[in-house]
């Protein structure tokens, strides 16, 4: 097969989509986000994350669709009923979790962050300063912690499903 003929083969696109999904998820979860949290003042960190997360969650939504659409004939999606249903479920889990973060959880978390900022102005105290905090700020901090936890759980679903999918792909090599 000539090198140009391989441009029509879905397998390289499938692997590129998978690599981008897994790589960006690992990087944002364990490197970029952690380093930014450690080195940036909290307001700048929050501002950075509110700009990065929509792009990141969009990738976690679109790339599973690309995986599904570029599944080559020898992929786990098409080669056996068991592998096919497992692979489809893993890809669906990645896409649904990314979509949930993109359209529901992420915007709700950002909204709570904005509410906390307004409450900080009313209280004259940052949400992350040592207590005691107003009852309103305590409620907002709890709500933010829950939303952040749900978003983190959705991110772990993407990561776990992507790693599991690696084992399905690896079994084909």
N, C-alpha and C. Protein backbone atom coordinates (compact mmCIF):
# COMPACT_ATOMS: atom_id res chain seq x y z
N UNK A 1 0.85 -1.17 0.00
CA UNK A 1 0.00 0.00 0.00
C UNK A 1 0.90 1.23 0.00
N UNK A 2 0.62 2.18 -0.89
CA UNK A 2 1.42 3.40 -0.92
C UNK A 2 1.11 4.25 0.30
N UNK A 3 2.03 5.16 0.60
CA UNK A 3 1.82 6.00 1.79
C UNK A 3 0.59 6.87 1.65
N UNK A 4 0.25 7.27 0.41
CA UNK A 4 -0.95 8.10 0.23
C UNK A 4 -2.23 7.30 0.34
N UNK A 5 -2.17 6.04 -0.04
CA UNK A 5 -3.35 5.19 0.09
C UNK A 5 -3.72 5.02 1.56
N UNK A 6 -2.73 5.06 2.44
CA UNK A 6 -3.03 4.90 3.87
C UNK A 6 -3.80 6.09 4.44
N UNK A 7 -3.86 7.20 3.70
CA UNK A 7 -4.64 8.35 4.17
C UNK A 7 -6.13 8.03 4.23
N UNK A 8 -6.56 7.04 3.46
CA UNK A 8 -7.97 6.65 3.48
C UNK A 8 -8.26 5.56 4.50
N UNK A 9 -7.21 5.00 5.08
CA UNK A 9 -7.36 3.95 6.09
C UNK A 9 -7.78 4.60 7.41
N UNK A 10 -8.85 4.12 8.04
CA UNK A 10 -9.30 4.75 9.29
C UNK A 10 -8.42 4.45 10.50
N UNK A 11 -7.60 3.42 10.42
CA UNK A 11 -6.81 3.00 11.59
C UNK A 11 -5.91 4.10 12.14
N UNK A 12 -5.13 4.82 11.32
CA UNK A 12 -4.29 5.86 11.89
C UNK A 12 -5.09 6.96 12.58
N UNK A 13 -6.23 7.30 12.01
CA UNK A 13 -7.07 8.33 12.62
C UNK A 13 -7.65 7.85 13.95
N UNK A 14 -7.97 6.58 13.97
CA UNK A 14 -8.48 5.98 15.21
C UNK A 14 -7.41 6.08 16.31
N UNK A 15 -6.18 5.70 15.97
CA UNK A 15 -5.10 5.76 16.95
C UNK A 15 -4.76 7.19 17.35
N UNK A 16 -4.79 8.11 16.38
CA UNK A 16 -4.52 9.52 16.71
C UNK A 16 -5.60 10.08 17.65
N UNK A 17 -6.85 9.75 17.38
CA UNK A 17 -7.94 10.21 18.26
C UNK A 17 -7.78 9.62 19.65
N UNK A 18 -7.47 8.32 19.70
CA UNK A 18 -7.29 7.66 21.00
C UNK A 18 -6.11 8.26 21.76
N UNK A 19 -4.98 8.42 21.08
CA UNK A 19 -3.79 8.97 21.73
C UNK A 19 -4.03 10.39 22.24
N UNK A 20 -4.72 11.18 21.46
CA UNK A 20 -5.03 12.55 21.88
C UNK A 20 -5.95 12.54 23.10
N UNK A 21 -6.94 11.68 23.09
CA UNK A 21 -7.87 11.60 24.22
C UNK A 21 -7.16 11.15 25.49
N UNK A 22 -6.42 10.06 25.41
CA UNK A 22 -5.73 9.56 26.60
C UNK A 22 -4.65 10.53 27.06
N UNK A 23 -3.87 11.04 26.13
CA UNK A 23 -2.78 11.95 26.48
C UNK A 23 -3.28 13.24 27.11
N UNK A 24 -4.30 13.83 26.52
CA UNK A 24 -4.81 15.09 27.08
C UNK A 24 -5.46 14.86 28.44
N UNK A 25 -6.10 13.73 28.61
CA UNK A 25 -6.73 13.44 29.91
C UNK A 25 -5.67 13.24 30.99
N UNK A 26 -4.64 12.49 30.68
CA UNK A 26 -3.57 12.28 31.66
C UNK A 26 -2.86 13.60 31.95
N UNK A 27 -2.55 14.37 30.89
CA UNK A 27 -1.83 15.62 31.10
C UNK A 27 -2.63 16.60 31.95
N UNK A 28 -3.89 16.82 31.58
CA UNK A 28 -4.68 17.80 32.33
C UNK A 28 -4.92 17.34 33.76
N UNK A 29 -5.17 16.06 33.95
CA UNK A 29 -5.52 15.54 35.28
C UNK A 29 -4.35 15.49 36.24
N UNK A 30 -3.18 15.11 35.73
CA UNK A 30 -2.07 14.82 36.62
C UNK A 30 -0.85 15.72 36.47
N UNK A 31 -0.80 16.51 35.41
CA UNK A 31 0.37 17.36 35.20
C UNK A 31 -0.04 18.83 35.12
N UNK A 32 -0.70 19.22 34.04
CA UNK A 32 -1.04 20.62 33.82
C UNK A 32 -1.87 21.23 34.93
N UNK A 33 -2.94 20.56 35.32
CA UNK A 33 -3.80 21.08 36.38
C UNK A 33 -3.09 21.16 37.72
N UNK A 34 -2.31 20.14 38.05
CA UNK A 34 -1.60 20.09 39.33
C UNK A 34 -0.53 21.19 39.40
N UNK A 35 0.25 21.31 38.32
CA UNK A 35 1.29 22.34 38.30
C UNK A 35 0.66 23.73 38.38
N UNK A 36 -0.37 23.97 37.61
CA UNK A 36 -1.03 25.29 37.63
C UNK A 36 -1.56 25.60 39.03
N UNK A 37 -2.15 24.62 39.70
CA UNK A 37 -2.68 24.84 41.04
C UNK A 37 -1.57 25.21 42.02
N UNK A 38 -0.41 24.58 41.85
CA UNK A 38 0.70 24.82 42.77
C UNK A 38 1.40 26.16 42.54
N UNK A 39 1.45 26.64 41.30
CA UNK A 39 2.26 27.83 41.02
C UNK A 39 1.47 29.10 40.81
N UNK A 40 0.21 29.00 40.50
CA UNK A 40 -0.59 30.21 40.26
C UNK A 40 -1.36 30.63 41.50
N UNK A 41 -1.50 31.93 41.71
CA UNK A 41 -2.42 32.38 42.76
C UNK A 41 -3.83 31.87 42.43
N UNK A 42 -4.61 31.62 43.44
CA UNK A 42 -5.91 30.99 43.23
C UNK A 42 -6.80 31.70 42.22
N UNK A 43 -6.91 33.03 42.25
CA UNK A 43 -7.77 33.68 41.24
C UNK A 43 -7.29 33.42 39.80
N UNK A 44 -5.99 33.43 39.57
CA UNK A 44 -5.46 33.16 38.24
C UNK A 44 -5.65 31.69 37.85
N UNK A 45 -5.49 30.81 38.82
CA UNK A 45 -5.72 29.39 38.55
C UNK A 45 -7.18 29.16 38.14
N UNK A 46 -8.10 29.77 38.87
CA UNK A 46 -9.52 29.61 38.54
C UNK A 46 -9.82 30.18 37.16
N UNK A 47 -9.23 31.32 36.86
CA UNK A 47 -9.44 31.94 35.55
C UNK A 47 -8.90 31.04 34.43
N UNK A 48 -7.73 30.48 34.64
CA UNK A 48 -7.14 29.56 33.65
C UNK A 48 -8.03 28.34 33.45
N UNK A 49 -8.47 27.74 34.53
CA UNK A 49 -9.28 26.52 34.42
C UNK A 49 -10.62 26.80 33.73
N UNK A 50 -11.21 27.96 33.98
CA UNK A 50 -12.50 28.25 33.33
C UNK A 50 -12.34 28.40 31.83
N UNK A 51 -11.13 28.70 31.37
CA UNK A 51 -10.87 28.79 29.93
C UNK A 51 -10.45 27.43 29.35
N UNK A 52 -9.71 26.66 30.11
CA UNK A 52 -9.22 25.36 29.62
C UNK A 52 -10.33 24.31 29.61
N UNK A 53 -11.15 24.26 30.64
CA UNK A 53 -12.11 23.16 30.77
C UNK A 53 -13.09 23.04 29.62
N UNK A 54 -13.66 24.11 29.09
CA UNK A 54 -14.57 23.89 27.94
C UNK A 54 -13.87 23.23 26.74
N UNK A 55 -12.63 23.62 26.49
CA UNK A 55 -11.88 23.00 25.39
C UNK A 55 -11.59 21.54 25.72
N UNK A 56 -11.13 21.31 26.93
CA UNK A 56 -10.80 19.96 27.40
C UNK A 56 -12.02 19.04 27.36
N UNK A 57 -13.14 19.51 27.89
CA UNK A 57 -14.36 18.69 27.89
C UNK A 57 -14.90 18.50 26.48
N UNK A 58 -14.68 19.48 25.60
CA UNK A 58 -15.07 19.30 24.19
C UNK A 58 -14.27 18.17 23.56
N UNK A 59 -12.96 18.12 23.85
CA UNK A 59 -12.15 17.02 23.35
C UNK A 59 -12.67 15.68 23.88
N UNK A 60 -13.02 15.65 25.16
CA UNK A 60 -13.51 14.41 25.77
C UNK A 60 -14.89 14.02 25.22
N UNK A 61 -15.56 14.93 24.56
CA UNK A 61 -16.85 14.64 23.95
C UNK A 61 -16.69 14.24 22.48
N UNK A 62 -15.87 14.97 21.75
CA UNK A 62 -15.74 14.76 20.31
C UNK A 62 -14.83 13.58 19.96
N UNK A 63 -13.75 13.41 20.70
CA UNK A 63 -12.82 12.33 20.35
C UNK A 63 -13.41 10.93 20.47
N UNK A 64 -14.27 10.63 21.44
CA UNK A 64 -14.92 9.31 21.43
C UNK A 64 -15.80 9.11 20.18
N UNK A 65 -16.41 10.18 19.70
CA UNK A 65 -17.19 10.07 18.46
C UNK A 65 -16.24 9.73 17.30
N UNK A 66 -15.09 10.40 17.27
CA UNK A 66 -14.09 10.10 16.24
C UNK A 66 -13.61 8.65 16.36
N UNK A 67 -13.43 8.18 17.58
CA UNK A 67 -13.03 6.78 17.77
C UNK A 67 -14.06 5.84 17.17
N UNK A 68 -15.30 6.11 17.45
CA UNK A 68 -16.38 5.25 16.95
C UNK A 68 -16.45 5.28 15.43
N UNK A 69 -16.31 6.47 14.87
CA UNK A 69 -16.45 6.62 13.42
C UNK A 69 -15.24 6.12 12.64
N UNK A 70 -14.09 6.05 13.28
CA UNK A 70 -12.88 5.62 12.56
C UNK A 70 -12.47 4.19 12.90
N UNK A 71 -13.34 3.45 13.51
CA UNK A 71 -13.00 2.08 13.88
C UNK A 71 -12.68 1.27 12.63
N UNK A 72 -11.44 0.81 12.50
CA UNK A 72 -11.09 -0.01 11.34
C UNK A 72 -11.70 -1.40 11.47
N UNK A 73 -11.75 -2.15 10.38
CA UNK A 73 -12.37 -3.48 10.42
C UNK A 73 -11.78 -4.42 11.47
N UNK A 74 -10.54 -4.24 11.83
CA UNK A 74 -9.92 -5.14 12.80
C UNK A 74 -9.98 -4.59 14.23
N UNK A 75 -10.76 -3.54 14.43
CA UNK A 75 -10.79 -2.93 15.76
C UNK A 75 -11.68 -3.73 16.71
N UNK A 76 -11.53 -3.48 18.00
CA UNK A 76 -12.40 -4.14 18.98
C UNK A 76 -13.88 -3.81 18.78
N UNK A 77 -14.17 -2.70 18.10
CA UNK A 77 -15.57 -2.33 17.87
C UNK A 77 -16.26 -3.23 16.87
N UNK A 78 -15.51 -3.76 15.93
CA UNK A 78 -16.14 -4.47 14.82
C UNK A 78 -15.81 -5.96 14.74
N UNK A 79 -14.86 -6.43 15.51
CA UNK A 79 -14.35 -7.77 15.27
C UNK A 79 -15.08 -8.89 16.01
N UNK A 80 -15.75 -8.61 17.10
CA UNK A 80 -16.47 -9.68 17.78
C UNK A 80 -17.64 -9.08 18.56
N UNK A 81 -18.69 -9.87 18.75
CA UNK A 81 -19.84 -9.34 19.49
C UNK A 81 -19.49 -8.90 20.91
N UNK A 82 -18.65 -9.68 21.60
CA UNK A 82 -18.31 -9.32 22.97
C UNK A 82 -17.39 -8.11 22.97
N UNK A 83 -16.32 -8.17 22.19
CA UNK A 83 -15.41 -7.03 22.09
C UNK A 83 -16.13 -5.80 21.59
N UNK A 84 -17.00 -6.00 20.61
CA UNK A 84 -17.74 -4.87 20.05
C UNK A 84 -18.61 -4.18 21.06
N UNK A 85 -19.34 -4.95 21.86
CA UNK A 85 -20.22 -4.32 22.84
C UNK A 85 -19.42 -3.70 23.98
N UNK A 86 -18.32 -4.34 24.39
CA UNK A 86 -17.48 -3.76 25.44
C UNK A 86 -16.82 -2.48 24.95
N UNK A 87 -16.26 -2.52 23.75
CA UNK A 87 -15.61 -1.34 23.19
C UNK A 87 -16.62 -0.21 23.00
N UNK A 88 -17.79 -0.53 22.50
CA UNK A 88 -18.82 0.49 22.30
C UNK A 88 -19.23 1.09 23.64
N UNK A 89 -19.37 0.26 24.66
CA UNK A 89 -19.74 0.77 25.99
C UNK A 89 -18.65 1.68 26.55
N UNK A 90 -17.40 1.32 26.36
CA UNK A 90 -16.30 2.15 26.86
C UNK A 90 -16.26 3.49 26.13
N UNK A 91 -16.41 3.45 24.82
CA UNK A 91 -16.41 4.70 24.05
C UNK A 91 -17.62 5.56 24.41
N UNK A 92 -18.75 4.93 24.59
CA UNK A 92 -19.95 5.68 25.00
C UNK A 92 -19.75 6.31 26.37
N UNK A 93 -19.16 5.56 27.29
CA UNK A 93 -18.91 6.10 28.64
C UNK A 93 -18.00 7.33 28.56
N UNK A 94 -16.96 7.25 27.73
CA UNK A 94 -16.06 8.40 27.58
C UNK A 94 -16.83 9.61 27.05
N UNK A 95 -17.59 9.41 26.00
CA UNK A 95 -18.32 10.52 25.38
C UNK A 95 -19.39 11.11 26.28
N UNK A 96 -20.12 10.26 26.96
CA UNK A 96 -21.19 10.75 27.85
C UNK A 96 -20.60 11.51 29.03
N UNK A 97 -19.53 11.00 29.61
CA UNK A 97 -18.90 11.70 30.73
C UNK A 97 -18.34 13.05 30.28
N UNK A 98 -17.69 13.08 29.12
CA UNK A 98 -17.19 14.34 28.59
C UNK A 98 -18.31 15.32 28.33
N UNK A 99 -19.39 14.83 27.73
CA UNK A 99 -20.55 15.68 27.43
C UNK A 99 -21.20 16.21 28.71
N UNK A 100 -21.30 15.36 29.73
CA UNK A 100 -21.88 15.79 31.01
C UNK A 100 -21.04 16.92 31.60
N UNK A 101 -19.72 16.78 31.55
CA UNK A 101 -18.86 17.85 32.06
C UNK A 101 -18.97 19.10 31.20
N UNK A 102 -19.11 18.95 29.90
CA UNK A 102 -19.16 20.08 29.00
C UNK A 102 -20.44 20.90 29.15
N UNK A 103 -21.59 20.23 29.22
CA UNK A 103 -22.85 20.98 29.17
C UNK A 103 -23.57 21.12 30.50
N UNK A 104 -23.24 20.28 31.50
CA UNK A 104 -23.96 20.35 32.77
C UNK A 104 -23.03 20.67 33.94
N UNK A 105 -22.11 19.78 34.22
CA UNK A 105 -21.31 19.88 35.44
C UNK A 105 -20.34 21.07 35.39
N UNK A 106 -19.62 21.21 34.28
CA UNK A 106 -18.67 22.31 34.16
C UNK A 106 -19.33 23.68 34.30
N UNK A 107 -20.39 23.95 33.52
CA UNK A 107 -21.06 25.25 33.68
C UNK A 107 -21.64 25.45 35.08
N UNK A 108 -22.16 24.41 35.69
CA UNK A 108 -22.70 24.54 37.05
C UNK A 108 -21.59 24.87 38.04
N UNK A 109 -20.43 24.24 37.87
CA UNK A 109 -19.29 24.51 38.75
C UNK A 109 -18.82 25.94 38.58
N UNK A 110 -18.74 26.40 37.34
CA UNK A 110 -18.34 27.79 37.08
C UNK A 110 -19.34 28.77 37.67
N UNK A 111 -20.60 28.44 37.60
CA UNK A 111 -21.64 29.29 38.19
C UNK A 111 -21.46 29.41 39.70
N UNK A 112 -21.16 28.30 40.36
CA UNK A 112 -20.93 28.33 41.80
C UNK A 112 -19.69 29.15 42.13
N UNK A 113 -18.67 29.03 41.29
CA UNK A 113 -17.46 29.84 41.51
C UNK A 113 -17.79 31.33 41.45
N UNK A 114 -18.63 31.72 40.50
CA UNK A 114 -19.03 33.13 40.38
C UNK A 114 -19.84 33.57 41.60
N UNK A 115 -20.73 32.69 42.04
CA UNK A 115 -21.52 33.00 43.25
C UNK A 115 -20.59 33.19 44.45
N UNK A 116 -19.59 32.34 44.57
CA UNK A 116 -18.63 32.48 45.68
C UNK A 116 -17.88 33.80 45.59
N UNK A 117 -17.53 34.21 44.38
CA UNK A 117 -16.82 35.48 44.20
C UNK A 117 -17.68 36.64 44.70
N UNK A 118 -18.96 36.60 44.36
CA UNK A 118 -19.88 37.65 44.84
C UNK A 118 -20.01 37.60 46.36
N UNK A 119 -20.07 36.39 46.91
CA UNK A 119 -20.19 36.24 48.36
C UNK A 119 -18.92 36.73 49.05
N UNK A 120 -17.77 36.52 48.44
CA UNK A 120 -16.53 37.04 49.00
C UNK A 120 -16.59 38.56 49.14
N UNK A 121 -17.16 39.22 48.14
CA UNK A 121 -17.30 40.67 48.19
C UNK A 121 -18.22 41.07 49.35
N UNK A 122 -19.32 40.36 49.49
CA UNK A 122 -20.26 40.66 50.58
C UNK A 122 -19.64 40.38 51.95
N UNK A 123 -18.88 39.28 52.04
CA UNK A 123 -18.31 38.88 53.33
C UNK A 123 -17.00 39.60 53.64
N UNK A 124 -16.33 40.11 52.60
CA UNK A 124 -15.02 40.71 52.80
C UNK A 124 -13.95 39.68 53.13
N UNK A 125 -14.16 38.47 52.65
CA UNK A 125 -13.27 37.36 52.96
C UNK A 125 -13.30 36.35 51.82
N UNK A 126 -12.13 35.83 51.46
CA UNK A 126 -12.05 34.84 50.39
C UNK A 126 -12.67 33.51 50.81
N UNK A 127 -13.16 32.78 49.83
CA UNK A 127 -13.80 31.48 50.12
C UNK A 127 -12.80 30.49 50.69
N UNK A 128 -11.53 30.66 50.38
CA UNK A 128 -10.50 29.72 50.82
C UNK A 128 -9.72 30.22 52.02
N UNK A 129 -10.07 31.40 52.55
CA UNK A 129 -9.44 31.89 53.77
C UNK A 129 -9.86 31.00 54.94
N UNK A 130 -9.07 31.03 55.99
CA UNK A 130 -9.42 30.28 57.20
C UNK A 130 -10.75 30.77 57.74
N UNK A 131 -11.52 29.88 58.33
CA UNK A 131 -12.84 30.20 58.87
C UNK A 131 -12.75 31.12 60.06
N UNK A 132 -13.86 31.48 60.60
CA UNK A 132 -15.21 31.04 60.22
C UNK A 132 -15.72 31.80 58.98
N UNK A 133 -16.63 31.15 58.27
CA UNK A 133 -17.26 31.75 57.09
C UNK A 133 -18.74 31.95 57.36
N UNK A 134 -19.33 32.83 56.58
CA UNK A 134 -20.77 33.05 56.68
C UNK A 134 -21.49 31.75 56.28
N UNK A 135 -22.72 31.64 56.71
CA UNK A 135 -23.52 30.45 56.36
C UNK A 135 -23.66 30.34 54.85
N UNK A 136 -23.79 31.49 54.19
CA UNK A 136 -23.92 31.48 52.73
C UNK A 136 -22.65 30.94 52.07
N UNK A 137 -21.49 31.39 52.58
CA UNK A 137 -20.23 30.92 52.00
C UNK A 137 -20.01 29.44 52.31
N UNK A 138 -20.38 29.00 53.48
CA UNK A 138 -20.24 27.59 53.80
C UNK A 138 -21.08 26.74 52.84
N UNK A 139 -22.29 27.20 52.56
CA UNK A 139 -23.16 26.47 51.63
C UNK A 139 -22.56 26.46 50.22
N UNK A 140 -22.03 27.61 49.79
CA UNK A 140 -21.41 27.68 48.46
C UNK A 140 -20.16 26.82 48.38
N UNK A 141 -19.37 26.80 49.45
CA UNK A 141 -18.17 25.95 49.46
C UNK A 141 -18.54 24.47 49.38
N UNK A 142 -19.60 24.07 50.09
CA UNK A 142 -20.07 22.68 50.01
C UNK A 142 -20.56 22.37 48.60
N UNK A 143 -21.33 23.29 48.03
CA UNK A 143 -21.86 23.08 46.69
C UNK A 143 -20.72 22.98 45.67
N UNK A 144 -19.71 23.84 45.81
CA UNK A 144 -18.56 23.77 44.91
C UNK A 144 -17.83 22.44 45.07
N UNK A 145 -17.64 22.01 46.30
CA UNK A 145 -16.94 20.74 46.55
C UNK A 145 -17.70 19.57 45.89
N UNK A 146 -19.01 19.58 45.97
CA UNK A 146 -19.81 18.52 45.35
C UNK A 146 -19.67 18.58 43.84
N UNK A 147 -19.81 19.77 43.26
CA UNK A 147 -19.72 19.91 41.81
C UNK A 147 -18.32 19.53 41.31
N UNK A 148 -17.30 19.96 42.03
CA UNK A 148 -15.93 19.62 41.66
C UNK A 148 -15.73 18.11 41.76
N UNK A 149 -16.28 17.50 42.77
CA UNK A 149 -16.18 16.05 42.92
C UNK A 149 -16.88 15.30 41.80
N UNK A 150 -18.04 15.77 41.40
CA UNK A 150 -18.76 15.13 40.29
C UNK A 150 -17.96 15.28 39.00
N UNK A 151 -17.43 16.47 38.76
CA UNK A 151 -16.62 16.70 37.57
C UNK A 151 -15.38 15.81 37.58
N UNK A 152 -14.74 15.69 38.72
CA UNK A 152 -13.57 14.81 38.84
C UNK A 152 -13.95 13.36 38.59
N UNK A 153 -15.10 12.95 39.08
CA UNK A 153 -15.57 11.58 38.86
C UNK A 153 -15.82 11.33 37.37
N UNK A 154 -16.43 12.30 36.69
CA UNK A 154 -16.66 12.16 35.25
C UNK A 154 -15.33 12.06 34.51
N UNK A 155 -14.36 12.85 34.94
CA UNK A 155 -13.03 12.81 34.34
C UNK A 155 -12.39 11.43 34.55
N UNK A 156 -12.58 10.86 35.74
CA UNK A 156 -12.04 9.52 36.01
C UNK A 156 -12.75 8.45 35.19
N UNK A 157 -14.01 8.65 34.88
CA UNK A 157 -14.72 7.72 33.99
C UNK A 157 -14.05 7.73 32.63
N UNK A 158 -13.76 8.94 32.11
CA UNK A 158 -13.09 9.03 30.81
C UNK A 158 -11.73 8.33 30.88
N UNK A 159 -10.96 8.64 31.92
CA UNK A 159 -9.63 8.05 32.05
C UNK A 159 -9.71 6.52 32.18
N UNK A 160 -10.57 6.03 33.05
CA UNK A 160 -10.70 4.58 33.24
C UNK A 160 -11.16 3.87 31.98
N UNK A 161 -12.13 4.43 31.29
CA UNK A 161 -12.62 3.82 30.06
C UNK A 161 -11.54 3.86 28.97
N UNK A 162 -10.76 4.94 28.92
CA UNK A 162 -9.69 5.05 27.93
C UNK A 162 -8.60 4.01 28.20
N UNK A 163 -8.26 3.83 29.45
CA UNK A 163 -7.24 2.82 29.79
C UNK A 163 -7.77 1.42 29.48
N UNK A 164 -9.02 1.15 29.82
CA UNK A 164 -9.60 -0.16 29.50
C UNK A 164 -9.63 -0.38 27.99
N UNK A 165 -9.94 0.67 27.24
CA UNK A 165 -9.95 0.56 25.78
C UNK A 165 -8.56 0.23 25.25
N UNK A 166 -7.51 0.74 25.92
CA UNK A 166 -6.15 0.42 25.51
C UNK A 166 -5.91 -1.08 25.54
N UNK A 167 -6.48 -1.76 26.52
CA UNK A 167 -6.29 -3.21 26.60
C UNK A 167 -7.03 -3.93 25.47
N UNK A 168 -8.17 -3.38 25.05
CA UNK A 168 -8.86 -3.96 23.91
C UNK A 168 -8.07 -3.73 22.62
N UNK A 169 -7.52 -2.53 22.47
CA UNK A 169 -6.70 -2.25 21.28
C UNK A 169 -5.44 -3.12 21.32
N UNK A 170 -4.80 -3.17 22.49
CA UNK A 170 -3.56 -3.93 22.63
C UNK A 170 -3.73 -5.40 22.32
N UNK A 171 -4.89 -5.94 22.58
CA UNK A 171 -5.12 -7.36 22.29
C UNK A 171 -5.11 -7.63 20.79
N UNK A 172 -5.23 -6.59 19.98
CA UNK A 172 -5.23 -6.74 18.51
C UNK A 172 -3.82 -6.73 17.93
N UNK A 173 -2.84 -6.32 18.71
CA UNK A 173 -1.47 -6.23 18.19
C UNK A 173 -0.81 -7.58 18.19
